[in-house]
Amino acid sequence: MEVDREDGRSQNQLRPLACSRNILHRAHGSASWSQGDTKVLAAVYGPKAGTKKNENPEKACIEVIWKPKTGQIGKPEKEYEMILKRTLESVCILTVNPNTTTSIIVQVVNDDGALLPSAINAACMALVDAGIPMKHLAVAICCCVAKSGYVILDPTKLEEQKMKAFAYLVFPNSVHSVLPEGSLRVEGEPIENGIITSVTHGMMSVDDYFYCLERGRAASVKLSDFLRRNLQQQSTDSSKAG
């Protein structure tokens, strides 16, 4: 079933993507990420000596600070911080710089839907810019389920408000993995078949969830291609500047 979206996109079509790195000179790494009119900045500071209370000093600590566009941080933003922290801990190699803390500050510039996935994508690119050791990159996508049962990807804010449920999905981008080839399997499954983070809100059936997973995994290939081109282009630009 084809669905008419207000911006003319198909159900599985992503909004235009844009990403820039090394945009903040005082940070150790930084990136901006845009999906349509949603835009997020991420800055990385560290690693700095010492870990936070209740953290394992034998590993590196990841700290996430969420800054809304306006107003004070609330319960949703605290949840975003927790999800971001757990996601980034999953993709970073925490044994390389033990007993250190790396802080990631996420600044919301504009929220027009799919805010958390945009923030995850921005944070990952900022970590790359800072040279933080990573197992692989990650790509995040939002899938929404309407009351009538159809699924759309990368919703705008208005579309989100009309949906009965949605899922934030984060997939590994194994193309950029720095792990040995033999370790790219988890319990016998290739890592590209896995999922790093899955967060759902609202009511959706098991079938709806697996359909979101299928559509999200297909979209992650497009996001991975965009990241690859972006990294290659900026590496080429840096070489020419040097």
Protein backbone atom coordinates (compact mmCIF):
# COMPACT_ATOMS: atom_id res chain seq x y z
CA MET A 1 0.00 0.00 0.00
CA GLU A 2 1.40 3.33 -1.07
CA VAL A 3 1.13 6.14 1.43
CA ASP A 4 1.00 9.82 0.55
CA ARG A 5 3.34 11.83 2.76
CA GLU A 6 3.08 15.59 3.02
CA ASP A 7 6.63 16.11 1.76
CA GLY A 8 6.11 13.77 -1.21
CA ARG A 9 8.40 10.97 0.00
CA SER A 10 7.64 7.28 -0.27
CA GLN A 11 7.23 5.15 2.88
CA ASN A 12 10.87 4.02 2.85
CA GLN A 13 12.47 7.24 1.62
CA LEU A 14 14.83 9.14 3.90
CA ARG A 15 15.03 12.90 4.03
CA PRO A 16 18.15 14.60 2.56
CA LEU A 17 21.22 13.87 4.71
CA ALA A 18 24.10 16.21 5.51
CA CYS A 19 27.12 15.74 7.78
CA SER A 20 30.21 17.83 8.55
CA ARG A 21 33.08 17.04 10.92
CA ASN A 22 35.66 19.16 12.74
CA ILE A 23 33.32 22.13 13.05
CA LEU A 24 34.16 23.08 16.67
CA HIS A 25 37.81 23.98 17.21
CA ARG A 26 37.92 23.68 21.02
CA ALA A 27 36.48 20.15 21.05
CA HIS A 28 38.66 17.09 20.48
CA GLY A 29 36.11 15.98 17.88
CA SER A 30 32.85 17.36 16.54
CA ALA A 31 30.18 16.79 13.91
CA SER A 32 26.90 18.17 12.69
CA TRP A 33 24.18 15.89 11.36
CA SER A 34 21.05 16.92 9.46
CA GLN A 35 18.09 14.87 8.24
CA GLY A 36 15.73 17.24 6.51
CA ASP A 37 15.05 20.07 8.97
CA THR A 38 16.29 18.08 11.99
CA LYS A 39 19.81 19.15 12.93
CA VAL A 40 22.09 18.09 15.80
CA LEU A 41 25.62 19.06 16.81
CA ALA A 42 27.87 16.68 18.77
CA ALA A 43 31.15 17.55 20.50
CA VAL A 44 33.64 15.11 22.06
CA TYR A 45 35.97 16.03 24.91
CA GLY A 46 38.53 13.52 26.10
CA PRO A 47 39.56 10.98 27.00
CA LYS A 48 40.37 12.64 30.33
CA ALA A 49 41.93 10.87 33.31
CA GLY A 50 39.55 9.34 35.85
CA THR A 51 36.08 7.79 35.71
CA LYS A 52 32.74 8.72 37.21
CA LYS A 53 31.38 7.17 40.39
CA ASN A 54 30.00 3.63 39.92
CA GLU A 55 31.93 3.22 36.65
CA ASN A 56 34.47 0.44 36.07
CA PRO A 57 37.99 1.99 36.34
CA GLU A 58 39.39 -0.88 34.26
CA LYS A 59 37.50 0.45 31.25
CA ALA A 60 36.96 3.80 29.61
CA CYS A 61 33.82 5.69 30.65
CA ILE A 62 31.42 7.35 28.22
CA GLU A 63 29.50 10.39 29.47
CA VAL A 64 26.64 11.92 27.47
CA ILE A 65 25.24 15.40 28.10
CA TRP A 66 22.07 16.37 26.21
CA LYS A 67 21.36 20.04 25.59
CA PRO A 68 17.85 20.90 24.31
CA LYS A 69 17.30 23.71 21.84
CA THR A 70 15.48 25.67 24.56
CA GLY A 71 14.50 25.15 28.18
CA GLN A 72 15.69 22.71 30.80
CA ILE A 73 16.45 19.03 30.37
CA GLY A 74 13.50 16.80 31.27
CA LYS A 75 12.62 13.10 31.53
CA PRO A 76 12.69 12.44 27.74
CA GLU A 77 16.13 14.02 27.44
CA LYS A 78 17.42 11.96 30.39
CA GLU A 79 16.19 8.85 28.59
CA TYR A 80 17.97 9.99 25.41
CA GLU A 81 21.20 10.41 27.40
CA MET A 82 20.93 6.86 28.74
CA ILE A 83 20.19 5.35 25.32
CA LEU A 84 23.05 7.28 23.73
CA LYS A 85 25.47 6.26 26.48
CA ARG A 86 24.64 2.55 26.15
CA THR A 87 24.76 2.70 22.37
CA LEU A 88 28.14 4.45 22.26
CA GLU A 89 29.57 2.09 24.89
CA SER A 90 28.61 -0.77 22.58
CA VAL A 91 30.57 0.59 19.60
CA CYS A 92 33.63 2.02 21.40
CA ILE A 93 36.61 -0.12 22.43
CA LEU A 94 36.55 0.62 26.16
CA THR A 95 39.68 -1.35 27.06
CA VAL A 96 42.09 0.89 25.12
CA ASN A 97 42.02 3.87 27.51
CA PRO A 98 41.04 2.44 30.92
CA ASN A 99 40.22 4.75 33.83
CA THR A 100 39.38 7.66 31.52
CA THR A 101 36.20 9.55 30.70
CA THR A 102 35.14 10.73 27.25
CA SER A 103 32.34 13.29 27.28
CA ILE A 104 29.93 13.70 24.37
CA ILE A 105 27.81 16.84 24.37
CA VAL A 106 24.76 16.74 22.11
CA GLN A 107 23.22 20.09 21.18
CA VAL A 108 19.80 20.11 19.51
CA VAL A 109 19.70 22.81 16.83
CA ASN A 110 16.28 21.92 15.42
CA ASP A 111 13.85 19.05 15.97
CA ASP A 112 11.66 18.11 13.03
CA GLY A 113 11.38 14.41 13.81
CA ALA A 114 13.72 11.41 14.27
CA LEU A 115 15.73 13.43 16.78
CA LEU A 116 17.36 10.60 18.74
CA PRO A 117 18.60 8.69 15.65
CA SER A 118 20.03 11.96 14.30
CA ALA A 119 21.81 12.52 17.62
CA ILE A 120 23.26 8.98 17.59
CA ASN A 121 24.54 9.48 14.03
CA ALA A 122 26.06 12.85 14.97
CA ALA A 123 27.73 11.42 18.07
CA CYS A 124 29.27 8.52 16.15
CA MET A 125 30.75 10.88 13.55
CA ALA A 126 32.09 13.13 16.30
CA LEU A 127 33.81 10.12 17.90
CA VAL A 128 35.41 9.33 14.54
CA ASP A 129 36.58 12.93 14.30
CA ALA A 130 38.10 12.70 17.79
CA GLY A 131 39.95 9.49 16.94
CA ILE A 132 38.25 7.48 19.71
CA PRO A 133 38.90 3.74 19.16
CA MET A 134 35.74 2.07 17.84
CA LYS A 135 34.77 -1.50 16.95
CA HIS A 136 32.68 -0.20 14.07
CA LEU A 137 30.43 2.71 13.21
CA ALA A 138 26.71 2.65 13.88
CA VAL A 139 23.76 4.02 11.94
CA ALA A 140 20.41 4.88 13.52
CA ILE A 141 16.94 5.10 12.00
CA CYS A 142 13.38 5.75 13.22
CA CYS A 143 10.47 3.60 12.00
CA CYS A 144 6.85 4.58 12.74
CA VAL A 145 3.67 2.49 12.69
CA ALA A 146 0.38 4.23 11.87
CA LYS A 147 -3.01 3.27 13.33
CA SER A 148 -3.94 1.80 9.95
CA GLY A 149 -0.85 -0.43 10.08
CA TYR A 150 1.49 1.05 7.49
CA VAL A 151 5.14 1.76 8.37
CA ILE A 152 7.16 4.83 7.42
CA LEU A 153 10.84 5.62 7.86
CA ASP A 154 12.49 8.84 9.07
CA PRO A 155 9.32 10.69 10.13
CA THR A 156 8.93 14.44 10.42
CA LYS A 157 7.71 15.88 13.72
CA LEU A 158 4.16 16.15 12.37
CA GLU A 159 4.22 12.52 11.20
CA GLU A 160 5.51 11.36 14.59
CA GLN A 161 2.55 12.99 16.31
CA LYS A 162 0.11 11.00 14.15
CA MET A 163 1.71 7.57 14.72
CA LYS A 164 0.55 4.96 17.22
CA ALA A 165 4.06 3.56 17.80
CA PHE A 166 7.63 3.94 16.70
CA ALA A 167 10.99 2.22 17.03
CA TYR A 168 14.49 3.64 17.27
CA LEU A 169 16.88 1.13 15.70
CA VAL A 170 20.69 1.22 15.62
CA PHE A 171 22.63 -1.13 13.34
CA PRO A 172 26.37 -1.80 13.02
CA ASN A 173 28.19 -0.54 9.98
CA SER A 174 30.71 -3.39 9.74
CA VAL A 175 32.36 -1.98 6.61
CA HIS A 176 34.44 0.28 8.85
CA SER A 177 35.08 -2.30 11.56
CA VAL A 178 38.55 -2.31 13.06
CA LEU A 179 38.15 -5.77 14.59
CA PRO A 180 39.90 -8.82 13.10
CA GLU A 181 37.84 -10.60 10.47
CA GLY A 182 37.32 -13.69 12.60
CA SER A 183 35.75 -11.65 15.41
CA LEU A 184 32.97 -10.22 13.24
CA ARG A 185 30.56 -12.82 14.53
CA VAL A 186 28.36 -12.84 17.61
CA GLU A 187 27.15 -16.30 18.65
CA GLY A 188 27.80 -17.53 15.13
CA GLU A 189 25.92 -14.71 13.41
CA PRO A 190 27.72 -12.16 11.20
CA ILE A 191 27.76 -8.79 12.96
CA GLU A 192 25.99 -7.07 10.04
CA ASN A 193 22.92 -9.20 10.82
CA GLY A 194 22.80 -7.90 14.37
CA ILE A 195 21.34 -4.84 16.03
CA ILE A 196 23.01 -2.59 18.58
CA THR A 197 20.04 -0.73 20.07
CA SER A 198 16.29 -1.17 19.83
CA VAL A 199 13.89 1.14 21.67
CA THR A 200 10.13 1.13 21.10
CA HIS A 201 7.38 3.51 22.20
CA GLY A 202 3.66 2.91 21.94
CA MET A 203 1.81 -0.29 21.08
CA MET A 204 2.92 -2.42 18.14
CA SER A 205 2.47 -6.09 17.31
CA VAL A 206 5.35 -8.52 16.97
CA ASP A 207 4.76 -8.58 13.20
CA ASP A 208 4.87 -4.77 13.10
CA TYR A 209 8.15 -4.79 15.03
CA PHE A 210 9.80 -7.31 12.72
CA TYR A 211 8.61 -5.34 9.70
CA CYS A 212 10.15 -2.20 11.23
CA LEU A 213 13.33 -4.19 11.76
CA GLU A 214 13.35 -5.29 8.12
CA ARG A 215 12.73 -1.78 6.78
CA GLY A 216 15.23 -0.28 9.22
CA ARG A 217 17.96 -2.72 8.21
CA ALA A 218 17.39 -1.89 4.54
CA ALA A 219 17.60 1.85 5.33
CA SER A 220 20.80 1.29 7.32
CA VAL A 221 22.52 0.24 4.09
CA LYS A 222 21.69 3.63 2.58
CA LEU A 223 22.91 5.41 5.70
CA SER A 224 26.12 3.37 5.66
CA ASP A 225 26.74 4.31 2.04
CA PHE A 226 26.24 7.97 2.92
CA LEU A 227 28.72 7.72 5.82
CA ARG A 228 31.27 6.00 3.62
CA ARG A 229 31.05 8.67 0.92
CA ASN A 230 31.17 11.43 3.54
CA LEU A 231 34.27 10.02 5.24
CA GLN A 232 36.03 9.44 1.91
CA GLN A 233 35.19 12.94 0.69
CA GLN A 234 36.42 14.64 3.86
CA SER A 235 39.59 12.51 3.86
CA THR A 236 40.23 13.61 0.27
CA ASP A 237 39.60 17.26 1.18
CA SER A 238 41.98 17.00 4.16
CA SER A 239 44.71 15.50 1.96
CA LYS A 240 44.35 18.30 -0.56
CA ALA A 241 44.47 20.91 2.22
CA GLY A 242 47.64 19.32 3.60
